[in-house]
Amino acid sequence: SDPTKLLDVVQVGKQLLVTRGALTTFSIANDVAKYFAILPALFIGIYP
């Protein structure tokens, strides 16, 4: 029954959204990087 607790609730919500957004950004950027890192090595025997 502490009305100022809403500040902490806002922080939890913001932290939840920011964490999810940050790790989603990291994951998608990872995938893009891995695509360009692996494909040349995978096809180098076929396309020197």
All heavy atoms as atom14 arrays in JSON, in Angstrom:
{
  "sequence": "SDPTKLLDVVQVGKQLLVTRGALTTFSIANDVAKYFAILPALFIGIYP",
  "atom14_mask": [
    [1, 1, 1, 1, 1, 1, 0, 0, 0, 0, 0, 0, 0, 0],
    [1, 1, 1, 1, 1, 1, 1, 1, 0, 0, 0, 0, 0, 0],
    [1, 1, 1, 1, 1, 1, 1, 0, 0, 0, 0, 0, 0, 0],
    [1, 1, 1, 1, 1, 1, 1, 0, 0, 0, 0, 0, 0, 0],
    [1, 1, 1, 1, 1, 1, 1, 1, 1, 0, 0, 0, 0, 0],
    [1, 1, 1, 1, 1, 1, 1, 1, 0, 0, 0, 0, 0, 0],
    [1, 1, 1, 1, 1, 1, 1, 1, 0, 0, 0, 0, 0, 0],
    [1, 1, 1, 1, 1, 1, 1, 1, 0, 0, 0, 0, 0, 0],
    [1, 1, 1, 1, 1, 1, 1, 0, 0, 0, 0, 0, 0, 0],
    [1, 1, 1, 1, 1, 1, 1, 0, 0, 0, 0, 0, 0, 0],
    [1, 1, 1, 1, 1, 1, 1, 1, 1, 0, 0, 0, 0, 0],
    [1, 1, 1, 1, 1, 1, 1, 0, 0, 0, 0, 0, 0, 0],
    [1, 1, 1, 1, 0, 0, 0, 0, 0, 0, 0, 0, 0, 0],
    [1, 1, 1, 1, 1, 1, 1, 1, 1, 0, 0, 0, 0, 0],
    [1, 1, 1, 1, 1, 1, 1, 1, 1, 0, 0, 0, 0, 0],
    [1, 1, 1, 1, 1, 1, 1, 1, 0, 0, 0, 0, 0, 0],
    [1, 1, 1, 1, 1, 1, 1, 1, 0, 0, 0, 0, 0, 0],
    [1, 1, 1, 1, 1, 1, 1, 0, 0, 0, 0, 0, 0, 0],
    [1, 1, 1, 1, 1, 1, 1, 0, 0, 0, 0, 0, 0, 0],
    [1, 1, 1, 1, 1, 1, 1, 1, 1, 1, 1, 0, 0, 0],
    [1, 1, 1, 1, 0, 0, 0, 0, 0, 0, 0, 0, 0, 0],
    [1, 1, 1, 1, 1, 0, 0, 0, 0, 0, 0, 0, 0, 0],
    [1, 1, 1, 1, 1, 1, 1, 1, 0, 0, 0, 0, 0, 0],
    [1, 1, 1, 1, 1, 1, 1, 0, 0, 0, 0, 0, 0, 0],
    [1, 1, 1, 1, 1, 1, 1, 0, 0, 0, 0, 0, 0, 0],
    [1, 1, 1, 1, 1, 1, 1, 1, 1, 1, 1, 0, 0, 0],
    [1, 1, 1, 1, 1, 1, 0, 0, 0, 0, 0, 0, 0, 0],
    [1, 1, 1, 1, 1, 1, 1, 1, 0, 0, 0, 0, 0, 0],
    [1, 1, 1, 1, 1, 0, 0, 0, 0, 0, 0, 0, 0, 0],
    [1, 1, 1, 1, 1, 1, 1, 1, 0, 0, 0, 0, 0, 0],
    [1, 1, 1, 1, 1, 1, 1, 1, 0, 0, 0, 0, 0, 0],
    [1, 1, 1, 1, 1, 1, 1, 0, 0, 0, 0, 0, 0, 0],
    [1, 1, 1, 1, 1, 0, 0, 0, 0, 0, 0, 0, 0, 0],
    [1, 1, 1, 1, 1, 1, 1, 1, 1, 0, 0, 0, 0, 0],
    [1, 1, 1, 1, 1, 1, 1, 1, 1, 1, 1, 1, 0, 0],
    [1, 1, 1, 1, 1, 1, 1, 1, 1, 1, 1, 0, 0, 0],
    [1, 1, 1, 1, 1, 0, 0, 0, 0, 0, 0, 0, 0, 0],
    [1, 1, 1, 1, 1, 1, 1, 1, 0, 0, 0, 0, 0, 0],
    [1, 1, 1, 1, 1, 1, 1, 1, 0, 0, 0, 0, 0, 0],
    [1, 1, 1, 1, 1, 1, 1, 0, 0, 0, 0, 0, 0, 0],
    [1, 1, 1, 1, 1, 0, 0, 0, 0, 0, 0, 0, 0, 0],
    [1, 1, 1, 1, 1, 1, 1, 1, 0, 0, 0, 0, 0, 0],
    [1, 1, 1, 1, 1, 1, 1, 1, 1, 1, 1, 0, 0, 0],
    [1, 1, 1, 1, 1, 1, 1, 1, 0, 0, 0, 0, 0, 0],
    [1, 1, 1, 1, 0, 0, 0, 0, 0, 0, 0, 0, 0, 0],
    [1, 1, 1, 1, 1, 1, 1, 1, 0, 0, 0, 0, 0, 0],
    [1, 1, 1, 1, 1, 1, 1, 1, 1, 1, 1, 1, 0, 0],
    [1, 1, 1, 1, 1, 1, 1, 0, 0, 0, 0, 0, 0, 0]
  ],
  "atom14_positions": [
    [[0.83, -1.21, 0.0], [0.0, 0.0, 0.0], [0.86, 1.26, 0.0], [0.62, 2.21, 0.74], [-0.96, 0.0, 1.2], [-1.82, -1.11, 1.13], [0.0, 0.0, 0.0], [0.0, 0.0, 0.0], [0.0, 0.0, 0.0], [0.0, 0.0, 0.0], [0.0, 0.0, 0.0], [0.0, 0.0, 0.0], [0.0, 0.0, 0.0], [0.0, 0.0, 0.0]],
    [[1.87, 1.26, -0.83], [2.78, 2.4, -0.97], [2.61, 2.97, -2.38], [3.12, 2.4, -3.34], [4.23, 1.96, -0.74], [5.22, 3.08, -0.99], [4.79, 4.24, -1.15], [6.44, 2.8, -1.02], [0.0, 0.0, 0.0], [0.0, 0.0, 0.0], [0.0, 0.0, 0.0], [0.0, 0.0, 0.0], [0.0, 0.0, 0.0], [0.0, 0.0, 0.0]],
    [[1.9, 4.09, -2.53], [1.63, 4.61, -3.88], [2.89, 4.99, -4.65], [2.89, 4.95, -5.88], [0.75, 5.83, -3.61], [1.02, 6.21, -2.19], [1.3, 4.92, -1.49], [0.0, 0.0, 0.0], [0.0, 0.0, 0.0], [0.0, 0.0, 0.0], [0.0, 0.0, 0.0], [0.0, 0.0, 0.0], [0.0, 0.0, 0.0], [0.0, 0.0, 0.0]],
    [[3.96, 5.36, -3.94], [5.19, 5.7, -4.65], [5.83, 4.46, -5.26], [6.77, 4.58, -6.03], [6.18, 6.39, -3.7], [6.55, 5.47, -2.66], [5.58, 7.62, -3.07], [0.0, 0.0, 0.0], [0.0, 0.0, 0.0], [0.0, 0.0, 0.0], [0.0, 0.0, 0.0], [0.0, 0.0, 0.0], [0.0, 0.0, 0.0], [0.0, 0.0, 0.0]],
    [[5.31, 3.28, -4.92], [5.83, 2.04, -5.5], [5.67, 2.03, -7.02], [6.36, 1.29, -7.72], [5.07, 0.86, -4.89], [5.52, -0.52, -5.33], [6.72, -0.98, -4.54], [6.36, -1.21, -3.09], [5.42, -2.28, -2.85], [0.0, 0.0, 0.0], [0.0, 0.0, 0.0], [0.0, 0.0, 0.0], [0.0, 0.0, 0.0], [0.0, 0.0, 0.0]],
    [[4.74, 2.85, -7.53], [4.52, 2.85, -8.97], [5.79, 3.2, -9.73], [5.99, 2.75, -10.86], [3.39, 3.82, -9.35], [2.89, 3.71, -10.78], [2.36, 2.31, -11.07], [1.83, 4.74, -11.09], [0.0, 0.0, 0.0], [0.0, 0.0, 0.0], [0.0, 0.0, 0.0], [0.0, 0.0, 0.0], [0.0, 0.0, 0.0], [0.0, 0.0, 0.0]],
    [[6.66, 4.0, -9.11], [7.94, 4.29, -9.74], [8.72, 3.01, -9.98], [9.29, 2.79, -11.05], [8.75, 5.25, -8.88], [10.19, 5.52, -9.34], [10.2, 6.09, -10.74], [10.9, 6.44, -8.38], [0.0, 0.0, 0.0], [0.0, 0.0, 0.0], [0.0, 0.0, 0.0], [0.0, 0.0, 0.0], [0.0, 0.0, 0.0], [0.0, 0.0, 0.0]],
    [[8.74, 2.13, -8.97], [9.45, 0.86, -9.11], [8.77, -0.03, -10.14], [9.43, -0.75, -10.9], [9.51, 0.13, -7.76], [10.33, 0.9, -6.74], [11.3, 1.55, -7.15], [9.99, 0.86, -5.55], [0.0, 0.0, 0.0], [0.0, 0.0, 0.0], [0.0, 0.0, 0.0], [0.0, 0.0, 0.0], [0.0, 0.0, 0.0], [0.0, 0.0, 0.0]],
    [[7.43, 0.0, -10.17], [6.69, -0.79, -11.17], [7.03, -0.31, -12.58], [7.23, -1.1, -13.5], [5.18, -0.72, -10.91], [4.4, -1.42, -12.02], [4.83, -1.35, -9.57], [0.0, 0.0, 0.0], [0.0, 0.0, 0.0], [0.0, 0.0, 0.0], [0.0, 0.0, 0.0], [0.0, 0.0, 0.0], [0.0, 0.0, 0.0], [0.0, 0.0, 0.0]],
    [[7.09, 1.01, -12.74], [7.46, 1.58, -14.04], [8.86, 1.12, -14.42], [9.12, 0.77, -15.58], [7.4, 3.12, -13.99], [8.07, 3.74, -15.21], [5.94, 3.57, -13.91], [0.0, 0.0, 0.0], [0.0, 0.0, 0.0], [0.0, 0.0, 0.0], [0.0, 0.0, 0.0], [0.0, 0.0, 0.0], [0.0, 0.0, 0.0], [0.0, 0.0, 0.0]],
    [[9.77, 1.1, -13.45], [11.13, 0.66, -13.74], [11.15, -0.82, -14.15], [11.89, -1.2, -15.06], [12.02, 0.87, -12.52], [12.4, 2.32, -12.29], [13.3, 2.45, -11.09], [12.83, 2.56, -9.97], [14.58, 2.41, -11.33], [0.0, 0.0, 0.0], [0.0, 0.0, 0.0], [0.0, 0.0, 0.0], [0.0, 0.0, 0.0], [0.0, 0.0, 0.0]],
    [[10.36, -1.65, -13.46], [10.31, -3.06, -13.83], [9.81, -3.21, -15.26], [10.37, -3.96, -16.06], [9.4, -3.85, -12.85], [9.12, -5.25, -13.39], [10.06, -3.96, -11.49], [0.0, 0.0, 0.0], [0.0, 0.0, 0.0], [0.0, 0.0, 0.0], [0.0, 0.0, 0.0], [0.0, 0.0, 0.0], [0.0, 0.0, 0.0], [0.0, 0.0, 0.0]],
    [[8.71, -2.5, -15.58], [8.17, -2.58, -16.93], [9.15, -2.08, -17.97], [9.33, -2.7, -19.02], [0.0, 0.0, 0.0], [0.0, 0.0, 0.0], [0.0, 0.0, 0.0], [0.0, 0.0, 0.0], [0.0, 0.0, 0.0], [0.0, 0.0, 0.0], [0.0, 0.0, 0.0], [0.0, 0.0, 0.0], [0.0, 0.0, 0.0], [0.0, 0.0, 0.0]],
    [[9.79, -0.95, -17.66], [10.75, -0.4, -18.61], [11.96, -1.33, -18.76], [12.46, -1.55, -19.87], [11.2, 0.99, -18.14], [11.95, 1.79, -19.19], [12.25, 3.19, -18.69], [11.0, 4.04, -18.63], [10.46, 4.35, -19.97], [0.0, 0.0, 0.0], [0.0, 0.0, 0.0], [0.0, 0.0, 0.0], [0.0, 0.0, 0.0], [0.0, 0.0, 0.0]],
    [[12.41, -1.88, -17.63], [13.56, -2.78, -17.69], [13.23, -4.05, -18.47], [14.05, -4.57, -19.22], [14.01, -3.13, -16.28], [15.34, -3.88, -16.23], [15.81, -4.12, -14.82], [15.05, -4.59, -13.98], [17.07, -3.82, -14.56], [0.0, 0.0, 0.0], [0.0, 0.0, 0.0], [0.0, 0.0, 0.0], [0.0, 0.0, 0.0], [0.0, 0.0, 0.0]],
    [[11.98, -4.55, -18.3], [11.55, -5.73, -19.04], [11.57, -5.46, -20.53], [12.1, -6.26, -21.33], [10.14, -6.12, -18.59], [9.49, -7.33, -19.27], [10.27, -8.6, -18.98], [8.04, -7.48, -18.83], [0.0, 0.0, 0.0], [0.0, 0.0, 0.0], [0.0, 0.0, 0.0], [0.0, 0.0, 0.0], [0.0, 0.0, 0.0], [0.0, 0.0, 0.0]],
    [[11.01, -4.33, -20.94], [10.97, -3.98, -22.37], [12.37, -3.73, -22.92], [12.7, -4.19, -24.02], [10.09, -2.75, -22.58], [8.6, -2.91, -22.3], [7.88, -1.58, -22.43], [7.98, -3.92, -23.25], [0.0, 0.0, 0.0], [0.0, 0.0, 0.0], [0.0, 0.0, 0.0], [0.0, 0.0, 0.0], [0.0, 0.0, 0.0], [0.0, 0.0, 0.0]],
    [[13.18, -3.0, -22.15], [14.53, -2.67, -22.62], [15.38, -3.92, -22.73], [16.14, -4.11, -23.7], [15.19, -1.63, -21.68], [16.66, -1.48, -22.0], [14.49, -0.29, -21.8], [0.0, 0.0, 0.0], [0.0, 0.0, 0.0], [0.0, 0.0, 0.0], [0.0, 0.0, 0.0], [0.0, 0.0, 0.0], [0.0, 0.0, 0.0], [0.0, 0.0, 0.0]],
    [[15.27, -4.82, -21.75], [16.06, -6.06, -21.77], [15.66, -6.91, -22.98], [16.53, -7.43, -23.7], [15.84, -6.87, -20.48], [16.23, -6.07, -19.36], [16.65, -8.15, -20.49], [0.0, 0.0, 0.0], [0.0, 0.0, 0.0], [0.0, 0.0, 0.0], [0.0, 0.0, 0.0], [0.0, 0.0, 0.0], [0.0, 0.0, 0.0], [0.0, 0.0, 0.0]],
    [[14.36, -7.06, -23.19], [13.89, -7.86, -24.33], [14.33, -7.23, -25.65], [14.79, -7.91, -26.56], [12.38, -7.98, -24.27], [11.8, -8.96, -25.27], [10.3, -8.98, -25.18], [9.88, -9.51, -23.9], [8.74, -9.18, -23.29], [7.95, -8.29, -23.83], [8.42, -9.73, -22.15], [0.0, 0.0, 0.0], [0.0, 0.0, 0.0], [0.0, 0.0, 0.0]],
    [[14.21, -5.9, -25.74], [14.62, -5.21, -26.96], [16.12, -5.3, -27.2], [16.57, -5.51, -28.33], [0.0, 0.0, 0.0], [0.0, 0.0, 0.0], [0.0, 0.0, 0.0], [0.0, 0.0, 0.0], [0.0, 0.0, 0.0], [0.0, 0.0, 0.0], [0.0, 0.0, 0.0], [0.0, 0.0, 0.0], [0.0, 0.0, 0.0], [0.0, 0.0, 0.0]],
    [[16.89, -5.16, -26.12], [18.35, -5.2, -26.25], [18.82, -6.57, -26.72], [19.65, -6.68, -27.64], [19.0, -4.85, -24.92], [0.0, 0.0, 0.0], [0.0, 0.0, 0.0], [0.0, 0.0, 0.0], [0.0, 0.0, 0.0], [0.0, 0.0, 0.0], [0.0, 0.0, 0.0], [0.0, 0.0, 0.0], [0.0, 0.0, 0.0], [0.0, 0.0, 0.0]],
    [[18.3, -7.64, -26.1], [18.74, -8.98, -26.48], [18.19, -9.4, -27.84], [18.82, -10.19, -28.53], [18.33, -9.98, -25.4], [19.04, -9.79, -24.05], [18.68, -10.91, -23.08], [20.55, -9.74, -24.23], [0.0, 0.0, 0.0], [0.0, 0.0, 0.0], [0.0, 0.0, 0.0], [0.0, 0.0, 0.0], [0.0, 0.0, 0.0], [0.0, 0.0, 0.0]],
    [[17.03, -8.87, -28.22], [16.52, -9.13, -29.57], [17.43, -8.48, -30.6], [17.77, -9.08, -31.63], [15.08, -8.6, -29.72], [14.23, -9.25, -28.77], [14.55, -8.86, -31.11], [0.0, 0.0, 0.0], [0.0, 0.0, 0.0], [0.0, 0.0, 0.0], [0.0, 0.0, 0.0], [0.0, 0.0, 0.0], [0.0, 0.0, 0.0], [0.0, 0.0, 0.0]],
    [[17.81, -7.23, -30.33], [18.73, -6.53, -31.23], [20.05, -7.29, -31.33], [20.6, -7.47, -32.43], [19.0, -5.1, -30.69], [17.75, -4.4, -30.59], [19.94, -4.34, -31.61], [0.0, 0.0, 0.0], [0.0, 0.0, 0.0], [0.0, 0.0, 0.0], [0.0, 0.0, 0.0], [0.0, 0.0, 0.0], [0.0, 0.0, 0.0], [0.0, 0.0, 0.0]],
    [[20.56, -7.73, -30.19], [21.82, -8.47, -30.18], [21.7, -9.78, -30.97], [22.58, -10.14, -31.75], [22.21, -8.77, -28.73], [23.55, -9.44, -28.58], [24.7, -8.7, -28.49], [23.64, -10.83, -28.53], [25.94, -9.31, -28.35], [24.88, -11.45, -28.39], [26.02, -10.7, -28.3], [0.0, 0.0, 0.0], [0.0, 0.0, 0.0], [0.0, 0.0, 0.0]],
    [[20.58, -10.48, -30.79], [20.38, -11.77, -31.45], [20.3, -11.62, -32.96], [20.94, -12.37, -33.71], [19.11, -12.43, -30.91], [18.89, -13.68, -31.52], [0.0, 0.0, 0.0], [0.0, 0.0, 0.0], [0.0, 0.0, 0.0], [0.0, 0.0, 0.0], [0.0, 0.0, 0.0], [0.0, 0.0, 0.0], [0.0, 0.0, 0.0], [0.0, 0.0, 0.0]],
    [[19.51, -10.64, -33.42], [19.36, -10.45, -34.87], [20.68, -9.99, -35.48], [21.07, -10.44, -36.58], [18.24, -9.45, -35.15], [16.89, -10.06, -34.72], [18.19, -9.07, -36.63], [15.71, -9.12, -34.85], [0.0, 0.0, 0.0], [0.0, 0.0, 0.0], [0.0, 0.0, 0.0], [0.0, 0.0, 0.0], [0.0, 0.0, 0.0], [0.0, 0.0, 0.0]],
    [[21.39, -9.09, -34.8], [22.7, -8.65, -35.3], [23.67, -9.82, -35.35], [24.47, -9.95, -36.3], [23.25, -7.55, -34.4], [0.0, 0.0, 0.0], [0.0, 0.0, 0.0], [0.0, 0.0, 0.0], [0.0, 0.0, 0.0], [0.0, 0.0, 0.0], [0.0, 0.0, 0.0], [0.0, 0.0, 0.0], [0.0, 0.0, 0.0], [0.0, 0.0, 0.0]],
    [[23.6, -10.72, -34.38], [24.41, -11.94, -34.38], [24.14, -12.77, -35.62], [25.07, -13.28, -36.27], [24.06, -12.77, -33.14], [25.14, -12.7, -32.08], [25.83, -13.66, -31.81], [25.29, -11.53, -31.49], [0.0, 0.0, 0.0], [0.0, 0.0, 0.0], [0.0, 0.0, 0.0], [0.0, 0.0, 0.0], [0.0, 0.0, 0.0], [0.0, 0.0, 0.0]],
    [[22.87, -12.95, -35.94], [22.5, -13.78, -37.08], [23.03, -13.22, -38.39], [23.52, -13.96, -39.25], [20.97, -13.92, -37.15], [20.4, -14.62, -35.92], [21.13, -15.4, -35.29], [19.23, -14.37, -35.59], [0.0, 0.0, 0.0], [0.0, 0.0, 0.0], [0.0, 0.0, 0.0], [0.0, 0.0, 0.0], [0.0, 0.0, 0.0], [0.0, 0.0, 0.0]],
    [[22.92, -11.9, -38.53], [23.43, -11.26, -39.74], [24.94, -11.47, -39.84], [25.47, -11.82, -40.92], [23.1, -9.75, -39.73], [23.79, -9.04, -40.9], [21.59, -9.54, -39.79], [0.0, 0.0, 0.0], [0.0, 0.0, 0.0], [0.0, 0.0, 0.0], [0.0, 0.0, 0.0], [0.0, 0.0, 0.0], [0.0, 0.0, 0.0], [0.0, 0.0, 0.0]],
    [[25.65, -11.26, -38.73], [27.1, -11.42, -38.74], [27.5, -12.86, -39.05], [28.43, -13.11, -39.84], [27.67, -10.97, -37.4], [0.0, 0.0, 0.0], [0.0, 0.0, 0.0], [0.0, 0.0, 0.0], [0.0, 0.0, 0.0], [0.0, 0.0, 0.0], [0.0, 0.0, 0.0], [0.0, 0.0, 0.0], [0.0, 0.0, 0.0], [0.0, 0.0, 0.0]],
    [[26.8, -13.84, -38.43], [27.14, -15.25, -38.65], [26.91, -15.66, -40.1], [27.64, -16.47, -40.66], [26.34, -16.13, -37.69], [26.86, -16.09, -36.25], [26.09, -17.02, -35.34], [24.72, -16.49, -35.0], [24.01, -17.27, -33.97], [0.0, 0.0, 0.0], [0.0, 0.0, 0.0], [0.0, 0.0, 0.0], [0.0, 0.0, 0.0], [0.0, 0.0, 0.0]],
    [[25.88, -15.08, -40.71], [25.58, -15.41, -42.11], [26.77, -15.05, -43.01], [27.23, -15.85, -43.83], [24.32, -14.66, -42.55], [23.88, -14.97, -43.95], [23.08, -16.08, -44.22], [24.24, -14.15, -45.01], [22.67, -16.37, -45.5], [23.84, -14.42, -46.3], [23.05, -15.54, -46.54], [22.64, -15.83, -47.82], [0.0, 0.0, 0.0], [0.0, 0.0, 0.0]],
    [[27.29, -13.83, -42.83], [28.39, -13.38, -43.68], [29.73, -13.96, -43.24], [30.7, -13.96, -44.01], [28.46, -11.84, -43.69], [27.33, -11.2, -44.43], [26.27, -10.65, -43.75], [27.32, -11.18, -45.81], [25.21, -10.07, -44.43], [26.27, -10.6, -46.51], [25.21, -10.05, -45.82], [0.0, 0.0, 0.0], [0.0, 0.0, 0.0], [0.0, 0.0, 0.0]],
    [[29.81, -14.47, -42.01], [31.05, -15.07, -41.54], [31.19, -16.52, -41.99], [32.29, -16.99, -42.31], [31.12, -14.99, -40.01], [0.0, 0.0, 0.0], [0.0, 0.0, 0.0], [0.0, 0.0, 0.0], [0.0, 0.0, 0.0], [0.0, 0.0, 0.0], [0.0, 0.0, 0.0], [0.0, 0.0, 0.0], [0.0, 0.0, 0.0], [0.0, 0.0, 0.0]],
    [[30.06, -17.25, -42.03], [30.12, -18.7, -42.27], [29.98, -19.06, -43.74], [30.66, -19.96, -44.24], [29.01, -19.4, -41.46], [29.22, -19.14, -39.96], [28.99, -20.9, -41.72], [28.06, -19.57, -39.12], [0.0, 0.0, 0.0], [0.0, 0.0, 0.0], [0.0, 0.0, 0.0], [0.0, 0.0, 0.0], [0.0, 0.0, 0.0], [0.0, 0.0, 0.0]],
    [[29.1, -18.36, -44.45], [28.82, -18.75, -45.84], [30.06, -18.8, -46.73], [30.24, -19.76, -47.49], [27.77, -17.81, -46.44], [26.32, -18.32, -46.42], [26.16, -19.5, -47.37], [25.87, -18.7, -45.03], [0.0, 0.0, 0.0], [0.0, 0.0, 0.0], [0.0, 0.0, 0.0], [0.0, 0.0, 0.0], [0.0, 0.0, 0.0], [0.0, 0.0, 0.0]],
    [[30.95, -17.8, -46.67], [32.15, -17.91, -47.53], [32.98, -19.15, -47.21], [33.46, -19.84, -48.12], [32.93, -16.63, -47.2], [31.88, -15.67, -46.74], [30.9, -16.5, -45.99], [0.0, 0.0, 0.0], [0.0, 0.0, 0.0], [0.0, 0.0, 0.0], [0.0, 0.0, 0.0], [0.0, 0.0, 0.0], [0.0, 0.0, 0.0], [0.0, 0.0, 0.0]],
    [[33.16, -19.47, -45.92], [33.95, -20.65, -45.55], [33.26, -21.93, -45.98], [33.91, -22.91, -46.35], [34.19, -20.66, -44.04], [0.0, 0.0, 0.0], [0.0, 0.0, 0.0], [0.0, 0.0, 0.0], [0.0, 0.0, 0.0], [0.0, 0.0, 0.0], [0.0, 0.0, 0.0], [0.0, 0.0, 0.0], [0.0, 0.0, 0.0], [0.0, 0.0, 0.0]],
    [[31.92, -21.94, -45.97], [31.18, -23.14, -46.32], [31.25, -23.43, -47.82], [31.29, -24.59, -48.25], [29.71, -22.97, -45.88], [28.82, -24.21, -45.91], [29.34, -25.26, -44.94], [27.38, -23.84, -45.56], [0.0, 0.0, 0.0], [0.0, 0.0, 0.0], [0.0, 0.0, 0.0], [0.0, 0.0, 0.0], [0.0, 0.0, 0.0], [0.0, 0.0, 0.0]],
    [[31.3, -22.37, -48.64], [31.26, -22.54, -50.09], [32.62, -22.38, -50.76], [32.73, -22.45, -51.97], [30.3, -21.51, -50.71], [28.87, -21.95, -50.72], [28.06, -21.71, -49.64], [28.34, -22.61, -51.83], [26.74, -22.12, -49.64], [27.02, -23.02, -51.83], [26.2, -22.77, -50.74], [0.0, 0.0, 0.0], [0.0, 0.0, 0.0], [0.0, 0.0, 0.0]],
    [[33.66, -22.19, -49.94], [34.96, -21.91, -50.54], [35.49, -23.08, -51.37], [36.21, -22.89, -52.35], [35.98, -21.51, -49.44], [37.17, -20.78, -50.06], [36.45, -22.73, -48.64], [38.06, -20.13, -49.03], [0.0, 0.0, 0.0], [0.0, 0.0, 0.0], [0.0, 0.0, 0.0], [0.0, 0.0, 0.0], [0.0, 0.0, 0.0], [0.0, 0.0, 0.0]],
    [[35.1, -24.31, -50.97], [35.54, -25.47, -51.74], [34.83, -25.57, -53.08], [35.36, -26.16, -54.04], [0.0, 0.0, 0.0], [0.0, 0.0, 0.0], [0.0, 0.0, 0.0], [0.0, 0.0, 0.0], [0.0, 0.0, 0.0], [0.0, 0.0, 0.0], [0.0, 0.0, 0.0], [0.0, 0.0, 0.0], [0.0, 0.0, 0.0], [0.0, 0.0, 0.0]],
    [[33.62, -25.01, -53.17], [32.84, -25.06, -54.41], [33.13, -23.84, -55.27], [33.27, -23.93, -56.48], [31.34, -25.15, -54.08], [31.07, -26.38, -53.2], [30.5, -25.2, -55.35], [29.65, -26.45, -52.67], [0.0, 0.0, 0.0], [0.0, 0.0, 0.0], [0.0, 0.0, 0.0], [0.0, 0.0, 0.0], [0.0, 0.0, 0.0], [0.0, 0.0, 0.0]],
    [[33.21, -22.67, -54.61], [33.52, -21.43, -55.32], [34.8, -20.85, -54.73], [34.77, -20.07, -53.78], [32.38, -20.41, -55.16], [31.09, -20.82, -55.8], [30.04, -21.32, -55.03], [30.89, -20.69, -57.18], [28.84, -21.69, -55.6], [29.7, -21.06, -57.77], [28.67, -21.57, -56.98], [27.49, -21.94, -57.57], [0.0, 0.0, 0.0], [0.0, 0.0, 0.0]],
    [[35.97, -21.23, -55.26], [37.24, -20.73, -54.71], [37.32, -19.2, -54.67], [38.03, -18.63, -53.86], [38.3, -21.32, -55.65], [37.62, -22.52, -56.24], [36.18, -22.17, -56.38], [0.0, 0.0, 0.0], [0.0, 0.0, 0.0], [0.0, 0.0, 0.0], [0.0, 0.0, 0.0], [0.0, 0.0, 0.0], [0.0, 0.0, 0.0], [0.0, 0.0, 0.0]]
  ]
}
